[in-house]
Amino acid sequence: MKTILIKITIFLTLIIPHISYSQTGTNEKVQIGPKNGYLVIAGGGGQCDSIIKRFIDLAGGPDASIVVIPTAGGREKYDMNAASADKMRRLGAKNITMLHTTDKQIANTDSFVSPLLLAKGVWFGGGRQWRLVDAYKDTKTEKMLWKVLEQGGVIGGTSAGATIQGSYLVRGDTKNNQIMMGDHQEGFGFIKDIAIDQHVLARNRHFDIFEILKNRPDLLGISIDENTAIIVKGNSFEVIGKSYVIIYDGLFWSREGWELKKLPKNNELFYFLREGDKYNLAERKILE
């Protein structure tokens, strides 16, 4: 009996620290958002001034070099006011360059990516997110976007320009935007293990993302309404704007508590965050 107790004690001595580390230490080392720089991920609609102003400030202010990429819109050519560039100028931005092509060979040239060398901020306009993949994925342009972040800059975008920032490409089908798991499923992955939807409340999309999470339960679902954005820094984000962000992490949270609520199953849960709320992406929990 004494021998058995000794063996159990030794086993627990070895295994308990390992369990403790796996529950608390590993999550701290997981990198979800970019190590350097910021992301501004906006849910579409006519962006309120506070979102665009925050993007300009994170880029370094009115004199910062900003590149706007309107490619998701599907046009052959764009003028200098496309994809919120006009609003950026109204809010003080002085140095904006429009960058657009639908040809991957062009996107893979030094001459095309040269505006990104000095860029402190890059903004993706709305449209269809798969167009951004077809034009820029696995090119020098994509590599330079990562350089902008590595140097402490900011990448932002709205609607399609929000979804493209995640690792999983929600609504990435070329047929229509109602197919959740389409023929394009990989985004740029500036924020990892995340599926991002947009226009969520304005278009009654708050149940749509469950199709993806049912097939990819490893992903965190984030749906952002119009005139609302999350500001990502490292492994956390803060909500700004006029509406709500919906979180699908298999849990539930409410300011008034939830112990007495009759909730659905974990795989059917979601909850709302509003301006000022913060969230830990690595631990997948509210920062209260």
C-alpha atoms as a PDB file:
ATOM      1  CA  MET A   1       0.000   0.000   0.000  1.00  0.00           C
ATOM      2  CA  LYS A   2       2.815   2.365   0.911  1.00  0.00           C
ATOM      3  CA  THR A   3       4.524   1.647  -2.422  1.00  0.00           C
ATOM      4  CA  ILE A   4       1.339   2.471  -4.330  1.00  0.00           C
ATOM      5  CA  LEU A   5       0.967   5.801  -2.490  1.00  0.00           C
ATOM      6  CA  ILE A   6       4.552   6.714  -3.288  1.00  0.00           C
ATOM      7  CA  LYS A   7       3.983   5.986  -6.983  1.00  0.00           C
ATOM      8  CA  ILE A   8       0.791   8.092  -7.017  1.00  0.00           C
ATOM      9  CA  THR A   9       2.610  10.974  -5.316  1.00  0.00           C
ATOM     10  CA  ILE A  10       5.427  10.856  -7.868  1.00  0.00           C
ATOM     11  CA  PHE A  11       2.915  10.754 -10.744  1.00  0.00           C
ATOM     12  CA  LEU A  12       1.002  13.764  -9.435  1.00  0.00           C
ATOM     13  CA  THR A  13       4.235  15.657  -8.838  1.00  0.00           C
ATOM     14  CA  LEU A  14       5.170  15.169 -12.480  1.00  0.00           C
ATOM     15  CA  ILE A  15       1.779  15.677 -14.115  1.00  0.00           C
ATOM     16  CA  ILE A  16       0.226  18.598 -12.169  1.00  0.00           C
ATOM     17  CA  PRO A  17       2.792  21.212 -13.231  1.00  0.00           C
ATOM     18  CA  HIS A  18       2.326  20.079 -16.829  1.00  0.00           C
ATOM     19  CA  ILE A  19      -1.442  20.466 -16.603  1.00  0.00           C
ATOM     20  CA  SER A  20      -1.094  23.892 -15.024  1.00  0.00           C
ATOM     21  CA  TYR A  21       1.297  25.047 -17.750  1.00  0.00           C
ATOM     22  CA  SER A  22      -0.890  23.762 -20.563  1.00  0.00           C
ATOM     23  CA  GLN A  23      -3.878  25.667 -19.210  1.00  0.00           C
ATOM     24  CA  THR A  24      -2.171  28.953 -18.402  1.00  0.00           C
ATOM     25  CA  GLY A  25       1.190  29.160 -20.119  1.00  0.00           C
ATOM     26  CA  THR A  26       0.444  27.972 -23.628  1.00  0.00           C
ATOM     27  CA  ASN A  27      -2.298  30.494 -24.388  1.00  0.00           C
ATOM     28  CA  GLU A  28       0.010  33.327 -23.399  1.00  0.00           C
ATOM     29  CA  LYS A  29       2.478  32.223 -26.087  1.00  0.00           C
ATOM     30  CA  VAL A  30      -0.072  31.871 -28.884  1.00  0.00           C
ATOM     31  CA  GLN A  31       0.115  34.818 -31.285  1.00  0.00           C
ATOM     32  CA  ILE A  32      -3.300  35.633 -32.786  1.00  0.00           C
ATOM     33  CA  GLY A  33      -2.976  39.232 -33.904  1.00  0.00           C
ATOM     34  CA  PRO A  34       0.148  40.783 -35.436  1.00  0.00           C
ATOM     35  CA  LYS A  35       3.238  40.972 -33.195  1.00  0.00           C
ATOM     36  CA  ASN A  36       3.734  44.586 -34.269  1.00  0.00           C
ATOM     37  CA  GLY A  37       1.372  47.200 -35.600  1.00  0.00           C
ATOM     38  CA  TYR A  38      -2.412  47.395 -35.540  1.00  0.00           C
ATOM     39  CA  LEU A  39      -5.459  46.163 -37.419  1.00  0.00           C
ATOM     40  CA  VAL A  40      -8.640  48.185 -37.920  1.00  0.00           C
ATOM     41  CA  ILE A  41     -11.385  45.734 -38.909  1.00  0.00           C
ATOM     42  CA  ALA A  42     -14.641  47.502 -39.799  1.00  0.00           C
ATOM     43  CA  GLY A  43     -18.058  46.010 -40.505  1.00  0.00           C
ATOM     44  CA  GLY A  44     -19.050  47.978 -43.599  1.00  0.00           C
ATOM     45  CA  GLY A  45     -21.566  50.703 -44.359  1.00  0.00           C
ATOM     46  CA  GLY A  46     -20.643  54.366 -44.448  1.00  0.00           C
ATOM     47  CA  GLN A  47     -17.849  54.365 -41.902  1.00  0.00           C
ATOM     48  CA  CYS A  48     -18.346  56.849 -39.085  1.00  0.00           C
ATOM     49  CA  ASP A  49     -15.617  59.461 -38.770  1.00  0.00           C
ATOM     50  CA  SER A  50     -14.295  58.012 -35.505  1.00  0.00           C
ATOM     51  CA  ILE A  51     -13.188  54.787 -37.242  1.00  0.00           C
ATOM     52  CA  ILE A  52     -11.383  56.545 -40.097  1.00  0.00           C
ATOM     53  CA  LYS A  53      -9.868  59.048 -37.651  1.00  0.00           C
ATOM     54  CA  ARG A  54      -8.524  56.236 -35.473  1.00  0.00           C
ATOM     55  CA  PHE A  55      -6.983  54.589 -38.555  1.00  0.00           C
ATOM     56  CA  ILE A  56      -5.227  57.844 -39.523  1.00  0.00           C
ATOM     57  CA  ASP A  57      -3.971  58.358 -35.961  1.00  0.00           C
ATOM     58  CA  LEU A  58      -2.583  54.801 -35.782  1.00  0.00           C
ATOM     59  CA  ALA A  59      -0.805  55.372 -39.101  1.00  0.00           C
ATOM     60  CA  GLY A  60       0.971  58.356 -37.563  1.00  0.00           C
ATOM     61  CA  GLY A  61      -1.336  61.297 -38.202  1.00  0.00           C
ATOM     62  CA  PRO A  62      -2.205  63.557 -41.169  1.00  0.00           C
ATOM     63  CA  ASP A  63       1.285  63.480 -42.716  1.00  0.00           C
ATOM     64  CA  ALA A  64       1.587  59.676 -42.702  1.00  0.00           C
ATOM     65  CA  SER A  65       1.896  57.819 -45.997  1.00  0.00           C
ATOM     66  CA  ILE A  66      -1.348  55.856 -46.571  1.00  0.00           C
ATOM     67  CA  VAL A  67      -2.089  53.358 -49.342  1.00  0.00           C
ATOM     68  CA  VAL A  68      -5.701  52.631 -50.293  1.00  0.00           C
ATOM     69  CA  ILE A  69      -6.511  49.352 -52.089  1.00  0.00           C
ATOM     70  CA  PRO A  70     -10.015  49.412 -53.691  1.00  0.00           C
ATOM     71  CA  THR A  71      -9.633  46.155 -55.665  1.00  0.00           C
ATOM     72  CA  ALA A  72     -12.473  44.280 -53.923  1.00  0.00           C
ATOM     73  CA  GLY A  73     -14.958  46.620 -55.611  1.00  0.00           C
ATOM     74  CA  GLY A  74     -14.561  44.860 -58.962  1.00  0.00           C
ATOM     75  CA  ARG A  75     -13.889  47.836 -61.239  1.00  0.00           C
ATOM     76  CA  GLU A  76     -11.118  48.106 -63.802  1.00  0.00           C
ATOM     77  CA  LYS A  77     -10.123  51.614 -62.703  1.00  0.00           C
ATOM     78  CA  TYR A  78     -10.690  53.835 -59.663  1.00  0.00           C
ATOM     79  CA  ASP A  79     -10.378  57.542 -59.084  1.00  0.00           C
ATOM     80  CA  MET A  80      -8.538  59.078 -56.122  1.00  0.00           C
ATOM     81  CA  ASN A  81     -11.710  59.227 -53.986  1.00  0.00           C
ATOM     82  CA  ALA A  82     -12.456  55.487 -53.961  1.00  0.00           C
ATOM     83  CA  ALA A  83     -12.670  53.265 -50.865  1.00  0.00           C
ATOM     84  CA  SER A  84     -12.964  56.027 -48.233  1.00  0.00           C
ATOM     85  CA  ALA A  85      -9.974  57.983 -49.561  1.00  0.00           C
ATOM     86  CA  ASP A  86     -12.149  61.099 -49.870  1.00  0.00           C
ATOM     87  CA  LYS A  87     -13.232  60.793 -46.239  1.00  0.00           C
ATOM     88  CA  MET A  88      -9.613  60.325 -45.139  1.00  0.00           C
ATOM     89  CA  ARG A  89      -8.669  63.581 -46.854  1.00  0.00           C
ATOM     90  CA  ARG A  90     -11.606  65.379 -45.251  1.00  0.00           C
ATOM     91  CA  LEU A  91     -10.358  64.162 -41.869  1.00  0.00           C
ATOM     92  CA  GLY A  92      -6.869  65.472 -42.515  1.00  0.00           C
ATOM     93  CA  ALA A  93      -4.868  62.779 -44.342  1.00  0.00           C
ATOM     94  CA  LYS A  94      -2.532  64.487 -46.823  1.00  0.00           C
ATOM     95  CA  ASN A  95      -0.514  61.678 -48.386  1.00  0.00           C
ATOM     96  CA  ILE A  96      -2.769  59.010 -49.960  1.00  0.00           C
ATOM     97  CA  THR A  97      -1.795  56.689 -52.823  1.00  0.00           C
ATOM     98  CA  MET A  98      -4.283  54.478 -54.692  1.00  0.00           C
ATOM     99  CA  LEU A  99      -2.962  50.970 -55.430  1.00  0.00           C
ATOM    100  CA  HIS A 100      -4.921  48.640 -57.705  1.00  0.00           C
ATOM    101  CA  THR A 101      -4.494  45.772 -60.127  1.00  0.00           C
ATOM    102  CA  THR A 102      -6.316  42.566 -60.989  1.00  0.00           C
ATOM    103  CA  ASP A 103      -3.175  40.969 -62.414  1.00  0.00           C
ATOM    104  CA  LYS A 104      -1.061  38.863 -60.044  1.00  0.00           C
ATOM    105  CA  GLN A 105       1.988  39.265 -62.255  1.00  0.00           C
ATOM    106  CA  ILE A 106       1.786  43.031 -61.830  1.00  0.00           C
ATOM    107  CA  ALA A 107       1.165  42.642 -58.085  1.00  0.00           C
ATOM    108  CA  ASN A 108       4.397  40.657 -57.935  1.00  0.00           C
ATOM    109  CA  THR A 109       6.598  43.437 -59.343  1.00  0.00           C
ATOM    110  CA  ASP A 110       8.860  45.842 -57.441  1.00  0.00           C
ATOM    111  CA  SER A 111       7.430  48.846 -59.265  1.00  0.00           C
ATOM    112  CA  PHE A 112       3.857  48.049 -58.185  1.00  0.00           C
ATOM    113  CA  VAL A 113       4.700  47.522 -54.509  1.00  0.00           C
ATOM    114  CA  SER A 114       6.947  50.599 -54.260  1.00  0.00           C
ATOM    115  CA  PRO A 115       4.224  52.748 -52.560  1.00  0.00           C
ATOM    116  CA  LEU A 116       4.125  50.180 -49.755  1.00  0.00           C
ATOM    117  CA  LEU A 117       7.811  50.695 -48.926  1.00  0.00           C
ATOM    118  CA  LEU A 118       7.060  53.925 -47.067  1.00  0.00           C
ATOM    119  CA  ALA A 119       3.442  53.214 -46.128  1.00  0.00           C
ATOM    120  CA  LYS A 120       2.456  53.576 -42.482  1.00  0.00           C
ATOM    121  CA  GLY A 121      -1.166  52.624 -43.165  1.00  0.00           C
ATOM    122  CA  VAL A 122      -2.996  50.465 -45.713  1.00  0.00           C
ATOM    123  CA  TRP A 123      -6.781  50.500 -46.154  1.00  0.00           C
ATOM    124  CA  PHE A 124      -8.851  47.884 -48.055  1.00  0.00           C
ATOM    125  CA  GLY A 125     -12.204  48.982 -49.457  1.00  0.00           C
ATOM    126  CA  GLY A 126     -15.383  46.907 -49.678  1.00  0.00           C
ATOM    127  CA  GLY A 127     -16.716  44.595 -52.385  1.00  0.00           C
ATOM    128  CA  ARG A 128     -15.933  40.894 -52.744  1.00  0.00           C
ATOM    129  CA  GLN A 129     -13.048  39.540 -50.700  1.00  0.00           C
ATOM    130  CA  TRP A 130     -12.061  36.821 -53.183  1.00  0.00           C
ATOM    131  CA  ARG A 131     -10.979  39.544 -55.624  1.00  0.00           C
ATOM    132  CA  LEU A 132      -8.265  40.546 -53.167  1.00  0.00           C
ATOM    133  CA  VAL A 133      -7.110  36.935 -52.986  1.00  0.00           C
ATOM    134  CA  ASP A 134      -7.020  36.577 -56.775  1.00  0.00           C
ATOM    135  CA  ALA A 135      -5.039  39.780 -57.168  1.00  0.00           C
ATOM    136  CA  TYR A 136      -2.597  39.742 -54.252  1.00  0.00           C
ATOM    137  CA  LYS A 137      -2.358  36.394 -52.468  1.00  0.00           C
ATOM    138  CA  ASP A 138       1.195  34.923 -52.509  1.00  0.00           C
ATOM    139  CA  THR A 139       2.693  37.957 -54.243  1.00  0.00           C
ATOM    140  CA  LYS A 140       5.204  40.655 -53.307  1.00  0.00           C
ATOM    141  CA  THR A 141       2.216  42.847 -52.481  1.00  0.00           C
ATOM    142  CA  GLU A 142       1.109  40.483 -49.718  1.00  0.00           C
ATOM    143  CA  LYS A 143       4.685  40.260 -48.401  1.00  0.00           C
ATOM    144  CA  MET A 144       4.910  44.044 -48.262  1.00  0.00           C
ATOM    145  CA  LEU A 145       1.614  44.243 -46.366  1.00  0.00           C
ATOM    146  CA  TRP A 146       3.216  42.125 -43.665  1.00  0.00           C
ATOM    147  CA  LYS A 147       6.219  44.480 -43.715  1.00  0.00           C
ATOM    148  CA  VAL A 148       3.908  47.409 -42.976  1.00  0.00           C
ATOM    149  CA  LEU A 149       2.774  45.606 -39.819  1.00  0.00           C
ATOM    150  CA  GLU A 150       6.274  44.482 -38.861  1.00  0.00           C
ATOM    151  CA  GLN A 151       7.393  48.107 -38.955  1.00  0.00           C
ATOM    152  CA  GLY A 152       4.587  49.124 -36.596  1.00  0.00           C
ATOM    153  CA  GLY A 153       2.077  50.374 -39.159  1.00  0.00           C
ATOM    154  CA  VAL A 154      -1.655  49.761 -39.407  1.00  0.00           C
ATOM    155  CA  ILE A 155      -3.747  47.738 -41.837  1.00  0.00           C
ATOM    156  CA  GLY A 156      -7.456  48.525 -41.963  1.00  0.00           C
ATOM    157  CA  GLY A 157     -10.426  47.679 -44.071  1.00  0.00           C
ATOM    158  CA  THR A 158     -14.189  47.590 -44.253  1.00  0.00           C
ATOM    159  CA  SER A 159     -16.630  44.866 -45.355  1.00  0.00           C
ATOM    160  CA  ALA A 160     -14.583  42.691 -47.748  1.00  0.00           C
ATOM    161  CA  GLY A 161     -11.567  44.593 -46.446  1.00  0.00           C
ATOM    162  CA  ALA A 162     -12.422  43.313 -42.972  1.00  0.00           C
ATOM    163  CA  THR A 163     -12.968  39.657 -43.850  1.00  0.00           C
ATOM    164  CA  ILE A 164      -9.737  39.435 -45.880  1.00  0.00           C
ATOM    165  CA  GLN A 165      -7.735  40.159 -42.709  1.00  0.00           C
ATOM    166  CA  GLY A 166      -8.820  36.893 -41.067  1.00  0.00           C
ATOM    167  CA  SER A 167      -7.260  33.502 -41.671  1.00  0.00           C
ATOM    168  CA  TYR A 168     -10.551  31.976 -42.878  1.00  0.00           C
ATOM    169  CA  LEU A 169     -12.310  33.736 -45.768  1.00  0.00           C
ATOM    170  CA  VAL A 170     -16.004  34.019 -44.915  1.00  0.00           C
ATOM    171  CA  ARG A 171     -18.343  34.406 -47.958  1.00  0.00           C
ATOM    172  CA  GLY A 172     -15.413  33.796 -50.279  1.00  0.00           C
ATOM    173  CA  ASP A 173     -17.335  32.194 -53.122  1.00  0.00           C
ATOM    174  CA  THR A 174     -17.206  33.701 -56.620  1.00  0.00           C
ATOM    175  CA  LYS A 175     -20.870  32.813 -57.337  1.00  0.00           C
ATOM    176  CA  ASN A 176     -22.518  34.971 -54.675  1.00  0.00           C
ATOM    177  CA  ASN A 177     -21.996  36.363 -51.182  1.00  0.00           C
ATOM    178  CA  GLN A 178     -24.498  34.034 -49.489  1.00  0.00           C
ATOM    179  CA  ILE A 179     -22.262  30.958 -49.705  1.00  0.00           C
ATOM    180  CA  MET A 180     -20.393  30.944 -46.409  1.00  0.00           C
ATOM    181  CA  MET A 181     -17.820  28.254 -47.286  1.00  0.00           C
ATOM    182  CA  GLY A 182     -16.956  28.903 -50.904  1.00  0.00           C
ATOM    183  CA  ASP A 183     -14.298  28.329 -53.528  1.00  0.00           C
ATOM    184  CA  HIS A 184     -11.937  30.761 -51.715  1.00  0.00           C
ATOM    185  CA  GLN A 185     -11.391  29.916 -48.048  1.00  0.00           C
ATOM    186  CA  GLU A 186      -8.048  31.475 -47.137  1.00  0.00           C
ATOM    187  CA  GLY A 187      -7.584  35.125 -46.241  1.00  0.00           C
ATOM    188  CA  PHE A 188      -4.379  37.055 -45.585  1.00  0.00           C
ATOM    189  CA  GLY A 189      -4.327  35.851 -41.971  1.00  0.00           C
ATOM    190  CA  PHE A 190      -3.177  39.051 -40.283  1.00  0.00           C
ATOM    191  CA  ILE A 191      -5.302  37.740 -37.430  1.00  0.00           C
ATOM    192  CA  LYS A 192      -5.112  33.946 -37.019  1.00  0.00           C
ATOM    193  CA  ASP A 193      -7.707  31.233 -36.288  1.00  0.00           C
ATOM    194  CA  ILE A 194     -10.468  33.751 -36.933  1.00  0.00           C
ATOM    195  CA  ALA A 195     -13.474  33.917 -39.270  1.00  0.00           C
ATOM    196  CA  ILE A 196     -14.728  37.490 -39.759  1.00  0.00           C
ATOM    197  CA  ASP A 197     -18.182  38.416 -41.080  1.00  0.00           C
ATOM    198  CA  GLN A 198     -19.556  41.928 -41.629  1.00  0.00           C
ATOM    199  CA  HIS A 199     -22.806  43.931 -42.077  1.00  0.00           C
ATOM    200  CA  VAL A 200     -24.081  41.464 -39.480  1.00  0.00           C
ATOM    201  CA  LEU A 201     -27.069  43.215 -37.894  1.00  0.00           C
ATOM    202  CA  ALA A 202     -27.863  45.485 -40.822  1.00  0.00           C
ATOM    203  CA  ARG A 203     -28.359  42.388 -43.001  1.00  0.00           C
ATOM    204  CA  ASN A 204     -29.608  39.915 -40.354  1.00  0.00           C
ATOM    205  CA  ARG A 205     -26.528  37.728 -40.729  1.00  0.00           C
ATOM    206  CA  HIS A 206     -26.106  36.788 -37.073  1.00  0.00           C
ATOM    207  CA  PHE A 207     -26.867  33.064 -37.604  1.00  0.00           C
ATOM    208  CA  ASP A 208     -24.911  32.629 -40.845  1.00  0.00           C
ATOM    209  CA  ILE A 209     -21.467  32.027 -39.363  1.00  0.00           C
ATOM    210  CA  PHE A 210     -22.631  28.902 -37.494  1.00  0.00           C
ATOM    211  CA  GLU A 211     -22.299  26.974 -40.763  1.00  0.00           C
ATOM    212  CA  ILE A 212     -18.571  27.654 -40.747  1.00  0.00           C
ATOM    213  CA  LEU A 213     -18.086  27.007 -37.042  1.00  0.00           C
ATOM    214  CA  LYS A 214     -19.925  23.688 -37.288  1.00  0.00           C
ATOM    215  CA  ASN A 215     -17.372  22.528 -39.853  1.00  0.00           C
ATOM    216  CA  ARG A 216     -14.426  24.411 -38.354  1.00  0.00           C
ATOM    217  CA  PRO A 217     -14.924  24.390 -34.569  1.00  0.00           C
ATOM    218  CA  ASP A 218     -11.306  25.470 -34.104  1.00  0.00           C
ATOM    219  CA  LEU A 219     -12.128  28.963 -35.385  1.00  0.00           C
ATOM    220  CA  LEU A 220     -13.279  31.950 -33.367  1.00  0.00           C
ATOM    221  CA  GLY A 221     -16.201  33.674 -35.064  1.00  0.00           C
ATOM    222  CA  ILE A 222     -16.363  37.482 -35.054  1.00  0.00           C
ATOM    223  CA  SER A 223     -19.211  39.319 -36.806  1.00  0.00           C
ATOM    224  CA  ILE A 224     -19.072  43.107 -37.028  1.00  0.00           C
ATOM    225  CA  ASP A 225     -21.984  45.416 -37.758  1.00  0.00           C
ATOM    226  CA  GLU A 226     -21.878  48.524 -39.945  1.00  0.00           C
ATOM    227  CA  ASN A 227     -20.302  51.703 -38.557  1.00  0.00           C
ATOM    228  CA  THR A 228     -18.413  49.558 -36.049  1.00  0.00           C
ATOM    229  CA  ALA A 229     -14.870  48.229 -35.877  1.00  0.00           C
ATOM    230  CA  ILE A 230     -12.409  46.341 -33.726  1.00  0.00           C
ATOM    231  CA  ILE A 231      -8.905  47.702 -33.135  1.00  0.00           C
ATOM    232  CA  VAL A 232      -6.517  44.751 -32.836  1.00  0.00           C
ATOM    233  CA  LYS A 233      -3.188  45.049 -31.051  1.00  0.00           C
ATOM    234  CA  GLY A 234      -1.335  41.809 -30.373  1.00  0.00           C
ATOM    235  CA  ASN A 235      -3.724  39.340 -28.762  1.00  0.00           C
ATOM    236  CA  SER A 236      -6.539  41.697 -27.825  1.00  0.00           C
ATOM    237  CA  PHE A 237      -9.008  44.069 -29.420  1.00  0.00           C
ATOM    238  CA  GLU A 238     -11.212  47.003 -28.461  1.00  0.00           C
ATOM    239  CA  VAL A 239     -14.601  47.821 -30.004  1.00  0.00           C
ATOM    240  CA  ILE A 240     -15.244  51.296 -31.421  1.00  0.00           C
ATOM    241  CA  GLY A 241     -18.163  52.717 -33.368  1.00  0.00           C
ATOM    242  CA  LYS A 242     -21.929  53.047 -33.186  1.00  0.00           C
ATOM    243  CA  SER A 243     -23.228  49.453 -33.226  1.00  0.00           C
ATOM    244  CA  TYR A 244     -22.158  45.978 -32.066  1.00  0.00           C
ATOM    245  CA  VAL A 245     -19.670  43.154 -32.544  1.00  0.00           C
ATOM    246  CA  ILE A 246     -20.896  39.576 -32.059  1.00  0.00           C
ATOM    247  CA  ILE A 247     -18.585  36.936 -30.575  1.00  0.00           C
ATOM    248  CA  TYR A 248     -18.971  33.211 -31.246  1.00  0.00           C
ATOM    249  CA  ASP A 249     -16.591  31.464 -28.843  1.00  0.00           C
ATOM    250  CA  GLY A 250     -18.934  28.809 -27.428  1.00  0.00           C
ATOM    251  CA  LEU A 251     -19.472  30.874 -24.280  1.00  0.00           C
ATOM    252  CA  PHE A 252     -21.839  33.602 -23.123  1.00  0.00           C
ATOM    253  CA  TRP A 253     -21.371  36.948 -21.405  1.00  0.00           C
ATOM    254  CA  SER A 254     -23.670  39.734 -20.272  1.00  0.00           C
ATOM    255  CA  ARG A 255     -23.294  42.872 -18.176  1.00  0.00           C
ATOM    256  CA  GLU A 256     -26.295  41.863 -16.106  1.00  0.00           C
ATOM    257  CA  GLY A 257     -24.976  38.344 -15.470  1.00  0.00           C
ATOM    258  CA  TRP A 258     -26.236  35.114 -16.974  1.00  0.00           C
ATOM    259  CA  GLU A 259     -26.562  32.574 -14.160  1.00  0.00           C
ATOM    260  CA  LEU A 260     -30.368  32.769 -14.280  1.00  0.00           C
ATOM    261  CA  LYS A 261     -30.684  32.833 -18.063  1.00  0.00           C
ATOM    262  CA  LYS A 262     -31.959  29.816 -20.003  1.00  0.00           C
ATOM    263  CA  LEU A 263     -29.312  29.552 -22.705  1.00  0.00           C
ATOM    264  CA  PRO A 264     -29.106  27.326 -25.803  1.00  0.00           C
ATOM    265  CA  LYS A 265     -26.367  24.758 -26.382  1.00  0.00           C
ATOM    266  CA  ASN A 266     -22.755  25.937 -26.494  1.00  0.00           C
ATOM    267  CA  ASN A 267     -22.560  25.527 -30.275  1.00  0.00           C
ATOM    268  CA  GLU A 268     -25.518  27.912 -30.645  1.00  0.00           C
ATOM    269  CA  LEU A 269     -24.305  30.671 -28.317  1.00  0.00           C
ATOM    270  CA  PHE A 270     -23.224  34.194 -29.199  1.00  0.00           C
ATOM    271  CA  TYR A 271     -23.052  37.520 -27.398  1.00  0.00           C
ATOM    272  CA  PHE A 272     -22.693  41.219 -28.176  1.00  0.00           C
ATOM    273  CA  LEU A 273     -19.914  43.704 -27.453  1.00  0.00           C
ATOM    274  CA  ARG A 274     -20.174  47.465 -27.830  1.00  0.00           C
ATOM    275  CA  GLU A 275     -17.857  50.469 -27.938  1.00  0.00           C
ATOM    276  CA  GLY A 276     -15.220  50.319 -25.227  1.00  0.00           C
ATOM    277  CA  ASP A 277     -15.459  46.551 -24.665  1.00  0.00           C
ATOM    278  CA  LYS A 278     -12.216  44.597 -24.901  1.00  0.00           C
ATOM    279  CA  TYR A 279     -11.512  40.950 -25.721  1.00  0.00           C
ATOM    280  CA  ASN A 280      -8.533  38.603 -25.301  1.00  0.00           C
ATOM    281  CA  LEU A 281      -8.112  36.657 -28.552  1.00  0.00           C
ATOM    282  CA  ALA A 282      -5.624  34.111 -27.195  1.00  0.00           C
ATOM    283  CA  GLU A 283      -7.679  33.162 -24.149  1.00  0.00           C
ATOM    284  CA  ARG A 284     -10.995  33.828 -25.910  1.00  0.00           C
ATOM    285  CA  LYS A 285     -12.582  35.781 -23.107  1.00  0.00           C
ATOM    286  CA  ILE A 286     -13.842  39.257 -22.253  1.00  0.00           C
ATOM    287  CA  LEU A 287     -11.401  41.638 -20.605  1.00  0.00           C
ATOM    288  CA  GLU A 288     -13.458  43.126 -17.789  1.00  0.00           C
END
